[in-house]
Amino acid sequence: MTPAEAAEGADAGQHPAKALDDTVHQRIRLGILTVAHQARRAEFGFLRTTLDLTAGNLGQHLTVLEKAGLVAVEKGYEGRRPRTWITLTPAGERALREEVAQLKRLIHQIETADGA
């Protein structure tokens, strides 16, 4: 679901859970997007350590995010050591912001129902 579709659904009274993006909402991918957003440019090893993942698992999730156009993967060298850096694309920034907005709507519904 695109952010525009999610916004339309929110306006039409659709439950916010239906507007969550499966690509973004998956726990590890949401973590990758969040760390990349905060760091602006995250090195593969930093992501792997921060999220406590194996290199293979992180690589698979990065492939999903890259194919979806949400991250850009840049390979290069730092000195003689190969490095991989991850940055959010503009679409990735939008998708992360929309996911957070939908999560806030869910939290608001719970707090409102609980009388908080």
N, C-alpha and C. Protein backbone atom coordinates (compact mmCIF):
# COMPACT_ATOMS: atom_id res chain seq x y z
N MET A 1 0.85 -1.17 0.00
CA MET A 1 0.00 0.00 0.00
C MET A 1 0.90 1.23 0.00
N THR A 2 0.60 2.16 -0.87
CA THR A 2 1.38 3.39 -0.93
C THR A 2 0.96 4.33 0.18
N PRO A 3 1.82 5.30 0.53
CA PRO A 3 1.41 6.27 1.55
C PRO A 3 0.13 7.01 1.18
N ALA A 4 -0.06 7.31 -0.11
CA ALA A 4 -1.28 8.01 -0.53
C ALA A 4 -2.51 7.13 -0.29
N GLU A 5 -2.39 5.83 -0.61
CA GLU A 5 -3.50 4.92 -0.37
C GLU A 5 -3.79 4.80 1.12
N ALA A 6 -2.73 4.78 1.93
CA ALA A 6 -2.91 4.70 3.38
C ALA A 6 -3.63 5.93 3.90
N ALA A 7 -3.24 7.09 3.38
CA ALA A 7 -3.89 8.33 3.82
C ALA A 7 -5.36 8.33 3.42
N GLU A 8 -5.67 7.85 2.21
CA GLU A 8 -7.06 7.78 1.77
C GLU A 8 -7.85 6.84 2.67
N GLY A 9 -7.24 5.70 3.01
CA GLY A 9 -7.92 4.74 3.88
C GLY A 9 -8.16 5.31 5.25
N ALA A 10 -7.18 6.08 5.75
CA ALA A 10 -7.33 6.70 7.07
C ALA A 10 -8.49 7.68 7.05
N ASP A 11 -8.60 8.44 5.95
CA ASP A 11 -9.68 9.41 5.85
C ASP A 11 -11.04 8.72 5.71
N ALA A 12 -11.06 7.52 5.17
CA ALA A 12 -12.31 6.81 4.94
C ALA A 12 -12.73 6.00 6.17
N GLY A 13 -12.03 6.16 7.27
CA GLY A 13 -12.39 5.44 8.48
C GLY A 13 -11.83 4.03 8.55
N GLN A 14 -10.90 3.71 7.68
CA GLN A 14 -10.26 2.40 7.68
C GLN A 14 -9.44 2.23 8.95
N HIS A 15 -9.44 1.05 9.52
CA HIS A 15 -8.64 0.79 10.71
C HIS A 15 -7.16 1.00 10.37
N PRO A 16 -6.40 1.68 11.24
CA PRO A 16 -5.00 1.99 10.94
C PRO A 16 -4.13 0.74 10.71
N ALA A 17 -4.50 -0.37 11.29
CA ALA A 17 -3.71 -1.59 11.09
C ALA A 17 -3.72 -2.02 9.62
N LYS A 18 -4.81 -1.72 8.92
CA LYS A 18 -4.89 -2.10 7.51
C LYS A 18 -3.98 -1.24 6.65
N ALA A 19 -3.56 -0.08 7.16
CA ALA A 19 -2.70 0.82 6.39
C ALA A 19 -1.21 0.56 6.63
N LEU A 20 -0.89 -0.38 7.52
CA LEU A 20 0.52 -0.69 7.74
C LEU A 20 1.09 -1.38 6.51
N ASP A 21 2.30 -1.02 6.16
CA ASP A 21 2.98 -1.55 4.99
C ASP A 21 3.75 -2.80 5.40
N ASP A 22 3.42 -3.96 4.84
CA ASP A 22 4.07 -5.22 5.22
C ASP A 22 5.58 -5.18 4.99
N THR A 23 6.03 -4.50 3.96
CA THR A 23 7.46 -4.42 3.68
C THR A 23 8.16 -3.64 4.78
N VAL A 24 7.58 -2.55 5.21
CA VAL A 24 8.18 -1.68 6.22
C VAL A 24 7.95 -2.22 7.62
N HIS A 25 6.78 -2.75 7.89
CA HIS A 25 6.38 -3.08 9.25
C HIS A 25 7.11 -4.29 9.82
N GLN A 26 7.64 -5.16 9.01
CA GLN A 26 8.37 -6.32 9.51
C GLN A 26 9.44 -5.81 10.48
N ARG A 27 9.56 -6.42 11.64
CA ARG A 27 10.39 -5.93 12.74
C ARG A 27 11.82 -5.56 12.33
N ILE A 28 12.51 -6.43 11.64
CA ILE A 28 13.90 -6.17 11.27
C ILE A 28 13.98 -5.05 10.25
N ARG A 29 13.09 -5.06 9.26
CA ARG A 29 13.14 -4.01 8.24
C ARG A 29 12.79 -2.65 8.83
N LEU A 30 11.84 -2.62 9.76
CA LEU A 30 11.53 -1.36 10.44
C LEU A 30 12.76 -0.87 11.21
N GLY A 31 13.47 -1.80 11.84
CA GLY A 31 14.70 -1.45 12.54
C GLY A 31 15.76 -0.90 11.60
N ILE A 32 15.94 -1.53 10.45
CA ILE A 32 16.91 -1.05 9.45
C ILE A 32 16.56 0.36 9.02
N LEU A 33 15.30 0.58 8.68
CA LEU A 33 14.88 1.91 8.22
C LEU A 33 15.07 2.96 9.31
N THR A 34 14.77 2.59 10.55
CA THR A 34 14.90 3.53 11.65
C THR A 34 16.37 3.89 11.90
N VAL A 35 17.23 2.89 11.93
CA VAL A 35 18.66 3.15 12.15
C VAL A 35 19.22 3.97 10.99
N ALA A 36 18.86 3.61 9.77
CA ALA A 36 19.36 4.35 8.60
C ALA A 36 18.86 5.80 8.62
N HIS A 37 17.64 6.00 9.07
CA HIS A 37 17.10 7.36 9.19
C HIS A 37 17.90 8.17 10.21
N GLN A 38 18.15 7.57 11.35
CA GLN A 38 18.87 8.26 12.42
C GLN A 38 20.32 8.53 12.04
N ALA A 39 20.96 7.57 11.40
CA ALA A 39 22.38 7.69 11.07
C ALA A 39 22.61 8.45 9.77
N ARG A 40 21.60 8.57 8.95
CA ARG A 40 21.67 9.17 7.61
C ARG A 40 22.43 8.29 6.62
N ARG A 41 23.48 7.63 7.08
CA ARG A 41 24.25 6.70 6.24
C ARG A 41 24.81 5.65 7.20
N ALA A 42 24.28 4.44 7.11
CA ALA A 42 24.66 3.39 8.05
C ALA A 42 25.55 2.36 7.37
N GLU A 43 26.61 1.98 8.04
CA GLU A 43 27.51 0.95 7.53
C GLU A 43 26.92 -0.42 7.87
N PHE A 44 27.09 -1.37 6.97
CA PHE A 44 26.53 -2.71 7.11
C PHE A 44 26.86 -3.32 8.48
N GLY A 45 28.12 -3.27 8.87
CA GLY A 45 28.54 -3.86 10.15
C GLY A 45 27.86 -3.19 11.34
N PHE A 46 27.67 -1.89 11.26
CA PHE A 46 26.98 -1.15 12.32
C PHE A 46 25.54 -1.63 12.43
N LEU A 47 24.86 -1.76 11.30
CA LEU A 47 23.48 -2.27 11.30
C LEU A 47 23.43 -3.68 11.87
N ARG A 48 24.35 -4.53 11.42
CA ARG A 48 24.37 -5.92 11.87
C ARG A 48 24.53 -6.00 13.38
N THR A 49 25.45 -5.21 13.93
CA THR A 49 25.69 -5.22 15.36
C THR A 49 24.53 -4.59 16.13
N THR A 50 24.07 -3.45 15.66
CA THR A 50 22.99 -2.73 16.35
C THR A 50 21.72 -3.56 16.43
N LEU A 51 21.39 -4.26 15.35
CA LEU A 51 20.15 -5.03 15.30
C LEU A 51 20.35 -6.50 15.67
N ASP A 52 21.60 -6.87 16.02
CA ASP A 52 21.93 -8.23 16.44
C ASP A 52 21.49 -9.27 15.40
N LEU A 53 21.99 -9.08 14.16
CA LEU A 53 21.63 -9.96 13.05
C LEU A 53 22.87 -10.65 12.49
N THR A 54 22.65 -11.74 11.80
CA THR A 54 23.75 -12.33 11.04
C THR A 54 23.89 -11.54 9.74
N ALA A 55 25.06 -11.64 9.13
CA ALA A 55 25.28 -10.94 7.87
C ALA A 55 24.29 -11.41 6.80
N GLY A 56 24.03 -12.71 6.76
CA GLY A 56 23.10 -13.25 5.77
C GLY A 56 21.68 -12.75 5.97
N ASN A 57 21.24 -12.72 7.21
CA ASN A 57 19.88 -12.26 7.51
C ASN A 57 19.74 -10.78 7.15
N LEU A 58 20.71 -9.97 7.56
CA LEU A 58 20.67 -8.55 7.23
C LEU A 58 20.68 -8.36 5.72
N GLY A 59 21.52 -9.12 5.02
CA GLY A 59 21.59 -9.01 3.56
C GLY A 59 20.26 -9.31 2.89
N GLN A 60 19.55 -10.31 3.38
CA GLN A 60 18.25 -10.65 2.80
C GLN A 60 17.24 -9.52 2.99
N HIS A 61 17.21 -8.95 4.17
CA HIS A 61 16.28 -7.85 4.43
C HIS A 61 16.65 -6.61 3.62
N LEU A 62 17.94 -6.34 3.47
CA LEU A 62 18.36 -5.20 2.66
C LEU A 62 17.95 -5.39 1.21
N THR A 63 18.03 -6.62 0.72
CA THR A 63 17.61 -6.91 -0.66
C THR A 63 16.13 -6.59 -0.84
N VAL A 64 15.29 -6.98 0.11
CA VAL A 64 13.86 -6.68 0.04
C VAL A 64 13.64 -5.17 0.00
N LEU A 65 14.32 -4.45 0.91
CA LEU A 65 14.15 -3.00 0.98
C LEU A 65 14.69 -2.30 -0.26
N GLU A 66 15.80 -2.81 -0.79
CA GLU A 66 16.37 -2.20 -2.00
C GLU A 66 15.45 -2.44 -3.20
N LYS A 67 14.93 -3.64 -3.35
CA LYS A 67 14.01 -3.93 -4.46
C LYS A 67 12.74 -3.10 -4.37
N ALA A 68 12.33 -2.76 -3.15
CA ALA A 68 11.14 -1.92 -2.95
C ALA A 68 11.46 -0.45 -3.16
N GLY A 69 12.73 -0.13 -3.36
CA GLY A 69 13.13 1.26 -3.59
C GLY A 69 13.20 2.10 -2.32
N LEU A 70 13.30 1.43 -1.17
CA LEU A 70 13.29 2.15 0.11
C LEU A 70 14.68 2.48 0.63
N VAL A 71 15.69 1.72 0.20
CA VAL A 71 17.07 2.00 0.59
C VAL A 71 17.96 1.95 -0.64
N ALA A 72 19.07 2.66 -0.53
CA ALA A 72 20.13 2.58 -1.54
C ALA A 72 21.32 1.92 -0.88
N VAL A 73 21.93 0.98 -1.58
CA VAL A 73 23.10 0.26 -1.06
C VAL A 73 24.30 0.69 -1.88
N GLU A 74 25.31 1.16 -1.19
CA GLU A 74 26.53 1.65 -1.84
C GLU A 74 27.70 0.81 -1.35
N LYS A 75 28.44 0.23 -2.30
CA LYS A 75 29.61 -0.57 -1.95
C LYS A 75 30.86 0.21 -2.32
N GLY A 76 31.84 0.12 -1.47
CA GLY A 76 33.09 0.82 -1.72
C GLY A 76 34.16 0.33 -0.76
N TYR A 77 35.17 1.15 -0.61
CA TYR A 77 36.29 0.79 0.26
C TYR A 77 36.57 1.89 1.24
N GLU A 78 36.98 1.49 2.42
CA GLU A 78 37.49 2.40 3.42
C GLU A 78 38.92 1.92 3.65
N GLY A 79 39.86 2.65 3.07
CA GLY A 79 41.22 2.13 3.03
C GLY A 79 41.23 0.93 2.10
N ARG A 80 41.69 -0.19 2.59
CA ARG A 80 41.71 -1.41 1.78
C ARG A 80 40.54 -2.34 2.11
N ARG A 81 39.74 -1.95 3.05
CA ARG A 81 38.65 -2.82 3.50
C ARG A 81 37.36 -2.52 2.75
N PRO A 82 36.73 -3.55 2.19
CA PRO A 82 35.44 -3.33 1.53
C PRO A 82 34.38 -2.95 2.56
N ARG A 83 33.52 -2.03 2.16
CA ARG A 83 32.44 -1.57 3.04
C ARG A 83 31.15 -1.46 2.23
N THR A 84 30.04 -1.59 2.94
CA THR A 84 28.73 -1.40 2.35
C THR A 84 27.99 -0.39 3.22
N TRP A 85 27.43 0.64 2.58
CA TRP A 85 26.69 1.67 3.30
C TRP A 85 25.25 1.67 2.82
N ILE A 86 24.36 1.96 3.73
CA ILE A 86 22.93 1.97 3.43
C ILE A 86 22.39 3.36 3.75
N THR A 87 21.62 3.91 2.81
CA THR A 87 20.94 5.18 3.03
C THR A 87 19.48 5.00 2.62
N LEU A 88 18.62 5.79 3.25
CA LEU A 88 17.21 5.78 2.86
C LEU A 88 17.04 6.59 1.59
N THR A 89 16.20 6.11 0.72
CA THR A 89 15.82 6.88 -0.46
C THR A 89 14.69 7.82 -0.03
N PRO A 90 14.34 8.80 -0.87
CA PRO A 90 13.16 9.62 -0.54
C PRO A 90 11.90 8.77 -0.32
N ALA A 91 11.75 7.72 -1.11
CA ALA A 91 10.59 6.83 -0.91
C ALA A 91 10.68 6.11 0.44
N GLY A 92 11.88 5.76 0.85
CA GLY A 92 12.08 5.12 2.15
C GLY A 92 11.75 6.05 3.30
N GLU A 93 12.14 7.31 3.16
CA GLU A 93 11.80 8.31 4.17
C GLU A 93 10.28 8.46 4.29
N ARG A 94 9.61 8.55 3.13
CA ARG A 94 8.14 8.69 3.14
C ARG A 94 7.48 7.46 3.76
N ALA A 95 7.96 6.27 3.37
CA ALA A 95 7.37 5.03 3.88
C ALA A 95 7.55 4.92 5.40
N LEU A 96 8.72 5.30 5.89
CA LEU A 96 8.97 5.24 7.33
C LEU A 96 8.07 6.23 8.06
N ARG A 97 7.95 7.44 7.54
CA ARG A 97 7.10 8.45 8.18
C ARG A 97 5.63 8.01 8.18
N GLU A 98 5.17 7.40 7.09
CA GLU A 98 3.78 6.93 7.02
C GLU A 98 3.56 5.78 8.00
N GLU A 99 4.53 4.89 8.10
CA GLU A 99 4.40 3.78 9.05
C GLU A 99 4.28 4.31 10.48
N VAL A 100 5.12 5.26 10.82
CA VAL A 100 5.08 5.86 12.16
C VAL A 100 3.73 6.56 12.38
N ALA A 101 3.24 7.25 11.37
CA ALA A 101 1.95 7.92 11.49
C ALA A 101 0.83 6.90 11.76
N GLN A 102 0.85 5.78 11.06
CA GLN A 102 -0.18 4.76 11.27
C GLN A 102 -0.06 4.13 12.66
N LEU A 103 1.17 3.92 13.11
CA LEU A 103 1.38 3.38 14.46
C LEU A 103 0.86 4.36 15.51
N LYS A 104 1.07 5.64 15.29
CA LYS A 104 0.55 6.65 16.22
C LYS A 104 -0.97 6.62 16.24
N ARG A 105 -1.60 6.41 15.07
CA ARG A 105 -3.06 6.31 15.02
C ARG A 105 -3.54 5.11 15.83
N LEU A 106 -2.82 3.98 15.72
CA LEU A 106 -3.19 2.80 16.50
C LEU A 106 -3.07 3.08 18.00
N ILE A 107 -1.98 3.70 18.40
CA ILE A 107 -1.77 4.03 19.80
C ILE A 107 -2.87 4.96 20.29
N HIS A 108 -3.20 5.95 19.48
CA HIS A 108 -4.26 6.90 19.86
C HIS A 108 -5.60 6.18 20.06
N GLN A 109 -5.90 5.22 19.17
CA GLN A 109 -7.16 4.47 19.32
C GLN A 109 -7.19 3.71 20.63
N ILE A 110 -6.06 3.12 20.97
CA ILE A 110 -5.99 2.33 22.23
C ILE A 110 -6.13 3.26 23.43
N GLU A 111 -5.40 4.36 23.40
CA GLU A 111 -5.45 5.30 24.52
C GLU A 111 -6.85 5.91 24.66
N THR A 112 -7.48 6.21 23.55
CA THR A 112 -8.83 6.77 23.58
C THR A 112 -9.82 5.75 24.13
N ALA A 113 -9.68 4.51 23.71
CA ALA A 113 -10.59 3.46 24.19
C ALA A 113 -10.38 3.18 25.68
N ASP A 114 -9.15 3.35 26.15
CA ASP A 114 -8.84 3.12 27.56
C ASP A 114 -9.13 4.33 28.43
N GLY A 115 -9.50 5.44 27.80
CA GLY A 115 -9.80 6.64 28.55
C GLY A 115 -8.56 7.38 29.01
N ALA A 116 -7.42 7.08 28.36
CA ALA A 116 -6.17 7.75 28.76
C ALA A 116 -6.09 9.17 28.28
